[in-house]
């Protein structure tokens, strides 16, 4: 799981009872799920699920990376990183030394470190100065920068941009994705991964909430997490990518490794059981896409 990339994209609770969908802009009134620390709203047009916070937004200071989510940071997903390398090689074959990669929301830089070891010229960008400082000074990972992607200007566009477990943290995903598009070479690829709100685990948590009239909310609260502001299904992720100038060329799915999750013993057993059903039902906790930038003609048509 990586971290947030736009401090300006993390507003607190809204006072207006009618809010607009952060993906398609449609007005959304009424709360679908009311939880102690946030409400969940559903867009009637693109079916996107998003949070309205009742608490202060996550600040993403050092303790977020080094203490409260230490299970994840202490267990970097090497298997996933190798799979991402395989995807890159499938679309940009050749010598890795000739390929520059940018990981947006890199946290302390575990993915750039892995890619660098494989031979890529790997860069990382994160909004958290604390995370970048730790990655640079304690882990000795080069080419990490503290900045948000919306205002970041790459000297030379990158052939590969990755965004792993980050977009769900961003309040305004379309401007965020537009920043990524500006940093991507026209013939490059963008790899994005996030939670799937139509996955079996997500659906069961929503069903439990509805069946109990909202009394059993802990599963839904745990899955959504207070620092996740957007909860994409395939349709809403496609809509956001399309608005930002991307087209999806490949999809993939997977589950988060159990060792990276902060769970109590019974929760771990329950999640492991649901994971066993993923290949049977073709329902996975995470969704991933490989995207290309739209052509100039497609972009012009989109803007009209």
Protein backbone atom coordinates (compact mmCIF):
# COMPACT_ATOMS: atom_id res chain seq x y z
CA UNK A 1 0.00 0.00 0.00
CA UNK A 2 1.40 3.31 -0.95
CA UNK A 3 0.45 6.74 0.37
CA UNK A 4 -1.30 9.97 -0.58
CA UNK A 5 -0.12 12.30 -3.31
CA UNK A 6 -2.11 15.52 -2.85
CA UNK A 7 -2.44 17.43 0.36
CA UNK A 8 -4.97 19.72 -1.31
CA UNK A 9 -7.03 16.68 -2.24
CA UNK A 10 -7.93 15.75 1.28
CA UNK A 11 -10.80 17.95 2.48
CA UNK A 12 -12.67 17.21 5.67
CA UNK A 13 -16.36 16.67 6.05
CA UNK A 14 -18.61 18.68 3.75
CA UNK A 15 -21.42 20.88 5.08
CA UNK A 16 -23.47 20.81 1.86
CA UNK A 17 -26.04 17.96 2.10
CA UNK A 18 -25.89 17.47 -1.69
CA UNK A 19 -22.44 16.58 -2.92
CA UNK A 20 -21.10 15.89 -6.37
CA UNK A 21 -19.54 12.60 -7.35
CA UNK A 22 -15.74 13.03 -7.50
CA UNK A 23 -15.63 10.81 -10.59
CA UNK A 24 -18.45 11.99 -12.89
CA UNK A 25 -19.68 15.15 -11.16
CA UNK A 26 -23.29 14.00 -10.76
CA UNK A 27 -25.12 15.32 -7.66
CA UNK A 28 -25.41 12.72 -4.90
CA UNK A 29 -27.90 13.25 -2.09
CA UNK A 30 -28.55 10.93 0.81
CA UNK A 31 -26.23 8.64 2.74
CA UNK A 32 -26.03 4.99 1.69
CA UNK A 33 -24.08 3.83 4.77
CA UNK A 34 -23.62 5.85 7.96
CA UNK A 35 -20.58 4.90 10.03
CA UNK A 36 -19.14 6.53 13.17
CA UNK A 37 -16.23 8.28 11.44
CA UNK A 38 -17.58 8.73 7.91
CA UNK A 39 -20.61 8.34 5.68
CA UNK A 40 -20.59 6.51 2.37
CA UNK A 41 -22.42 7.97 -0.63
CA UNK A 42 -23.22 6.23 -3.91
CA UNK A 43 -23.34 8.06 -7.23
CA UNK A 44 -26.64 7.39 -9.05
CA UNK A 45 -24.94 7.76 -12.44
CA UNK A 46 -21.59 5.93 -12.36
CA UNK A 47 -22.26 3.87 -9.16
CA UNK A 48 -19.08 5.20 -7.55
CA UNK A 49 -18.85 4.88 -3.75
CA UNK A 50 -17.10 7.66 -1.85
CA UNK A 51 -16.66 8.86 1.73
CA UNK A 52 -17.78 11.99 3.55
CA UNK A 53 -15.56 12.30 6.60
CA UNK A 54 -16.84 13.15 10.08
CA UNK A 55 -13.30 13.43 11.44
CA UNK A 56 -10.13 15.21 10.43
CA UNK A 57 -8.51 13.73 7.31
CA UNK A 58 -5.37 11.62 7.61
CA UNK A 59 -2.23 13.78 7.84
CA UNK A 60 0.14 11.03 6.60
CA UNK A 61 2.94 11.85 8.97
CA UNK A 62 5.81 9.53 9.90
CA UNK A 63 3.72 7.39 12.27
CA UNK A 64 1.38 6.39 9.41
CA UNK A 65 4.27 4.68 7.62
CA UNK A 66 6.44 3.55 10.49
CA UNK A 67 3.93 2.62 13.22
CA UNK A 68 0.21 2.32 12.48
CA UNK A 69 0.73 0.46 9.17
CA UNK A 70 4.01 -1.23 9.96
CA UNK A 71 2.73 -4.69 8.90
CA UNK A 72 2.48 -3.45 5.35
CA UNK A 73 5.74 -1.55 5.20
CA UNK A 74 7.64 -4.38 6.88
CA UNK A 75 6.39 -6.79 4.21
CA UNK A 76 6.88 -5.20 0.79
CA UNK A 77 5.07 -7.14 -1.93
CA UNK A 78 8.04 -8.49 -3.85
CA UNK A 79 5.85 -10.91 -5.83
CA UNK A 80 3.62 -8.05 -6.97
CA UNK A 81 6.65 -5.93 -7.87
CA UNK A 82 7.95 -8.77 -10.05
CA UNK A 83 4.54 -9.10 -11.71
CA UNK A 84 4.57 -5.37 -12.44
CA UNK A 85 8.00 -5.79 -14.01
CA UNK A 86 6.54 -8.55 -16.19
CA UNK A 87 3.75 -6.22 -17.32
CA UNK A 88 6.24 -3.49 -18.17
CA UNK A 89 8.40 -5.90 -20.16
CA UNK A 90 5.33 -7.04 -22.07
CA UNK A 91 4.59 -3.51 -23.26
CA UNK A 92 8.09 -2.01 -23.34
CA UNK A 93 10.46 -4.89 -24.12
CA UNK A 94 14.20 -4.39 -24.11
CA UNK A 95 16.89 -3.33 -21.70
CA UNK A 96 15.53 -2.16 -18.35
CA UNK A 97 18.43 0.29 -18.07
CA UNK A 98 16.85 2.28 -20.91
CA UNK A 99 13.47 2.66 -19.16
CA UNK A 100 12.62 5.39 -16.64
CA UNK A 101 9.80 4.66 -14.18
CA UNK A 102 7.87 6.96 -11.85
CA UNK A 103 5.98 5.58 -8.86
CA UNK A 104 3.32 8.09 -7.76
CA UNK A 105 2.49 7.73 -4.08
CA UNK A 106 5.69 5.85 -3.43
CA UNK A 107 5.67 6.22 0.39
CA UNK A 108 9.16 5.28 1.58
CA UNK A 109 10.18 4.03 -1.86
CA UNK A 110 9.97 0.23 -1.74
CA UNK A 111 8.82 -0.10 -5.37
CA UNK A 112 11.49 2.26 -6.79
CA UNK A 113 14.08 0.34 -4.75
CA UNK A 114 12.89 -2.96 -6.26
CA UNK A 115 12.76 -1.55 -9.78
CA UNK A 116 16.18 0.02 -9.32
CA UNK A 117 17.62 -3.36 -8.35
CA UNK A 118 16.16 -4.78 -11.58
CA UNK A 119 17.98 -2.12 -13.59
CA UNK A 120 15.36 0.56 -14.22
CA UNK A 121 16.07 4.23 -13.64
CA UNK A 122 13.37 4.38 -11.01
CA UNK A 123 11.89 7.52 -9.46
CA UNK A 124 9.36 7.97 -6.67
CA UNK A 125 6.99 10.79 -5.80
CA UNK A 126 5.00 11.25 -2.60
CA UNK A 127 3.20 14.06 -0.82
CA UNK A 128 4.68 13.01 2.53
CA UNK A 129 7.99 14.66 3.27
CA UNK A 130 8.41 12.34 6.26
CA UNK A 131 8.10 9.23 4.09
CA UNK A 132 10.48 10.55 1.44
CA UNK A 133 12.99 11.59 4.09
CA UNK A 134 12.92 8.13 5.68
CA UNK A 135 13.30 6.39 2.32
CA UNK A 136 16.15 8.65 1.30
CA UNK A 137 18.09 8.88 4.57
CA UNK A 138 17.36 5.56 6.31
CA UNK A 139 16.80 3.20 3.37
CA UNK A 140 19.26 4.93 1.00
CA UNK A 141 16.82 4.89 -1.92
CA UNK A 142 17.77 7.46 -4.58
CA UNK A 143 15.53 9.69 -6.73
CA UNK A 144 12.66 10.16 -4.28
CA UNK A 145 10.86 13.51 -4.26
CA UNK A 146 8.24 15.10 -2.00
CA UNK A 147 5.61 16.70 -4.23
CA UNK A 148 2.03 16.25 -5.35
CA UNK A 149 1.41 15.00 -8.86
CA UNK A 150 -1.11 17.73 -9.71
CA UNK A 151 1.65 20.37 -9.72
CA UNK A 152 4.62 18.14 -10.55
CA UNK A 153 6.41 18.89 -13.83
CA UNK A 154 8.64 16.13 -15.18
CA UNK A 155 11.74 17.28 -17.07
CA UNK A 156 11.15 14.42 -19.50
CA UNK A 157 7.90 12.40 -19.56
CA UNK A 158 8.22 8.89 -18.16
CA UNK A 159 7.64 5.76 -20.28
CA UNK A 160 6.19 4.02 -17.21
CA UNK A 161 4.14 5.48 -14.35
CA UNK A 162 2.78 3.34 -11.52
CA UNK A 163 0.19 4.14 -8.87
CA UNK A 164 -0.30 1.26 -6.43
CA UNK A 165 -2.96 1.42 -3.66
CA UNK A 166 -3.03 5.21 -3.73
CA UNK A 167 -5.94 6.59 -5.74
CA UNK A 168 -8.43 5.46 -3.09
CA UNK A 169 -6.81 7.95 -0.70
CA UNK A 170 -7.29 10.95 -2.99
CA UNK A 171 -10.42 13.10 -2.65
CA UNK A 172 -10.41 14.39 -6.25
CA UNK A 173 -9.18 11.50 -8.42
CA UNK A 174 -9.66 13.05 -11.87
CA UNK A 175 -7.23 16.00 -11.38
CA UNK A 176 -4.86 13.50 -9.74
CA UNK A 177 -5.01 11.23 -12.82
CA UNK A 178 -4.63 14.22 -15.11
CA UNK A 179 -1.37 15.01 -13.33
CA UNK A 180 -0.20 11.47 -14.00
CA UNK A 181 -1.19 11.80 -17.66
CA UNK A 182 0.98 14.92 -18.00
CA UNK A 183 3.94 13.00 -16.56
CA UNK A 184 3.51 10.03 -18.92
CA UNK A 185 5.11 9.78 -22.34
CA UNK A 186 2.55 9.63 -25.15
CA UNK A 187 3.59 6.07 -26.00
CA UNK A 188 4.07 5.02 -22.36
CA UNK A 189 2.00 2.87 -20.01
CA UNK A 190 0.29 3.70 -16.74
CA UNK A 191 -0.34 0.91 -14.21
CA UNK A 192 -2.94 1.59 -11.52
CA UNK A 193 -4.13 -0.66 -8.68
CA UNK A 194 -6.87 -0.07 -6.12
CA UNK A 195 -9.52 -1.86 -4.08
CA UNK A 196 -12.58 -3.21 -5.94
CA UNK A 197 -15.79 -2.15 -4.17
CA UNK A 198 -17.68 -4.88 -6.07
CA UNK A 199 -15.44 -7.64 -4.69
CA UNK A 200 -16.89 -10.44 -2.58
CA UNK A 201 -15.41 -9.15 0.68
CA UNK A 202 -16.74 -5.65 0.04
CA UNK A 203 -20.20 -6.94 -0.95
CA UNK A 204 -20.50 -9.10 2.17
CA UNK A 205 -19.56 -6.17 4.41
CA UNK A 206 -22.23 -4.00 2.77
CA UNK A 207 -24.79 -6.82 3.03
CA UNK A 208 -24.06 -7.31 6.75
CA UNK A 209 -24.59 -3.60 7.33
CA UNK A 210 -27.94 -3.62 5.53
CA UNK A 211 -29.20 -6.82 7.13
CA UNK A 212 -28.58 -5.44 10.63
CA UNK A 213 -29.90 -1.96 9.93
CA UNK A 214 -26.44 -0.49 10.32
CA UNK A 215 -25.70 -2.06 13.72
CA UNK A 216 -22.99 -4.35 12.32
CA UNK A 217 -20.80 -1.77 10.65
CA UNK A 218 -17.31 -2.80 11.79
CA UNK A 219 -16.54 -4.96 8.74
CA UNK A 220 -17.51 -2.19 6.32
CA UNK A 221 -15.63 0.40 8.35
CA UNK A 222 -12.54 -1.80 8.39
CA UNK A 223 -12.62 -2.43 4.63
CA UNK A 224 -13.29 1.19 3.67
CA UNK A 225 -10.87 2.64 6.25
CA UNK A 226 -11.13 6.25 7.28
CA UNK A 227 -8.19 7.29 5.11
CA UNK A 228 -9.75 5.78 1.97
CA UNK A 229 -11.90 8.50 0.42
CA UNK A 230 -12.90 6.78 -2.83
CA UNK A 231 -13.97 3.18 -3.30
CA UNK A 232 -13.84 2.28 -6.98
CA UNK A 233 -15.63 -0.46 -8.82
CA UNK A 234 -14.58 -1.30 -12.36
CA UNK A 235 -17.13 1.07 -13.89
CA UNK A 236 -16.17 4.12 -11.84
CA UNK A 237 -12.43 3.51 -12.22
CA UNK A 238 -12.88 3.32 -16.00
CA UNK A 239 -14.90 6.56 -15.90
CA UNK A 240 -12.20 8.41 -13.96
CA UNK A 241 -9.44 7.14 -16.25
CA UNK A 242 -11.43 8.07 -19.35
CA UNK A 243 -12.01 11.62 -18.09
CA UNK A 244 -8.28 12.00 -17.42
CA UNK A 245 -7.30 10.91 -20.93
CA UNK A 246 -6.55 7.20 -20.53
CA UNK A 247 -7.81 4.05 -22.17
CA UNK A 248 -7.58 0.64 -20.47
CA UNK A 249 -5.64 -1.96 -22.47
CA UNK A 250 -5.32 -4.71 -19.87
CA UNK A 251 -6.94 -5.75 -16.58
CA UNK A 252 -5.71 -7.95 -13.75
CA UNK A 253 -6.89 -8.86 -10.25
CA UNK A 254 -5.37 -10.15 -7.03
CA UNK A 255 -5.75 -10.19 -3.24
CA UNK A 256 -3.61 -8.38 -0.71
CA UNK A 257 -1.23 -10.80 1.03
CA UNK A 258 -2.53 -11.57 4.51
CA UNK A 259 0.84 -10.78 6.08
CA UNK A 260 0.52 -7.15 4.98
CA UNK A 261 -2.85 -6.61 6.69
CA UNK A 262 -3.41 -5.35 10.21
CA UNK A 263 -5.99 -7.91 11.40
CA UNK A 264 -7.05 -9.63 14.58
CA UNK A 265 -6.77 -13.47 14.57
CA UNK A 266 -10.47 -14.11 13.82
CA UNK A 267 -10.47 -11.45 11.12
CA UNK A 268 -7.43 -13.07 9.55
CA UNK A 269 -9.17 -16.45 9.45
CA UNK A 270 -12.32 -14.94 7.91
CA UNK A 271 -10.38 -13.08 5.24
CA UNK A 272 -8.33 -16.19 4.43
CA UNK A 273 -11.55 -18.15 3.93
CA UNK A 274 -12.96 -15.54 1.57
CA UNK A 275 -9.68 -15.47 -0.32
CA UNK A 276 -10.15 -19.18 -1.07
CA UNK A 277 -13.35 -18.31 -2.93
CA UNK A 278 -11.71 -15.66 -5.11
CA UNK A 279 -10.65 -17.96 -7.98
CA UNK A 280 -13.95 -19.84 -7.81
CA UNK A 281 -16.10 -16.72 -8.03
CA UNK A 282 -13.57 -14.62 -9.95
CA UNK A 283 -13.93 -11.97 -7.26
CA UNK A 284 -10.72 -10.42 -5.98
CA UNK A 285 -10.15 -7.68 -3.42
CA UNK A 286 -7.92 -5.64 -5.73
CA UNK A 287 -8.31 -4.53 -9.31
CA UNK A 288 -5.51 -3.42 -11.59
CA UNK A 289 -5.34 -1.84 -15.03
CA UNK A 290 -2.70 -1.07 -17.60
CA UNK A 291 -3.52 2.11 -19.53
CA UNK A 292 -2.33 3.99 -22.56
CA UNK A 293 -2.80 7.70 -23.15
CA UNK A 294 -5.56 8.51 -25.63
CA UNK A 295 -4.56 9.90 -28.99
CA UNK A 296 -4.87 13.61 -29.72
CA UNK A 297 -8.08 13.05 -31.70
CA UNK A 298 -9.68 11.06 -28.92
CA UNK A 299 -8.72 13.71 -26.39
CA UNK A 300 -10.20 16.47 -28.53
CA UNK A 301 -13.46 14.57 -28.87
CA UNK A 302 -13.55 13.99 -25.12
CA UNK A 303 -13.13 17.69 -24.35
CA UNK A 304 -15.98 18.77 -26.64
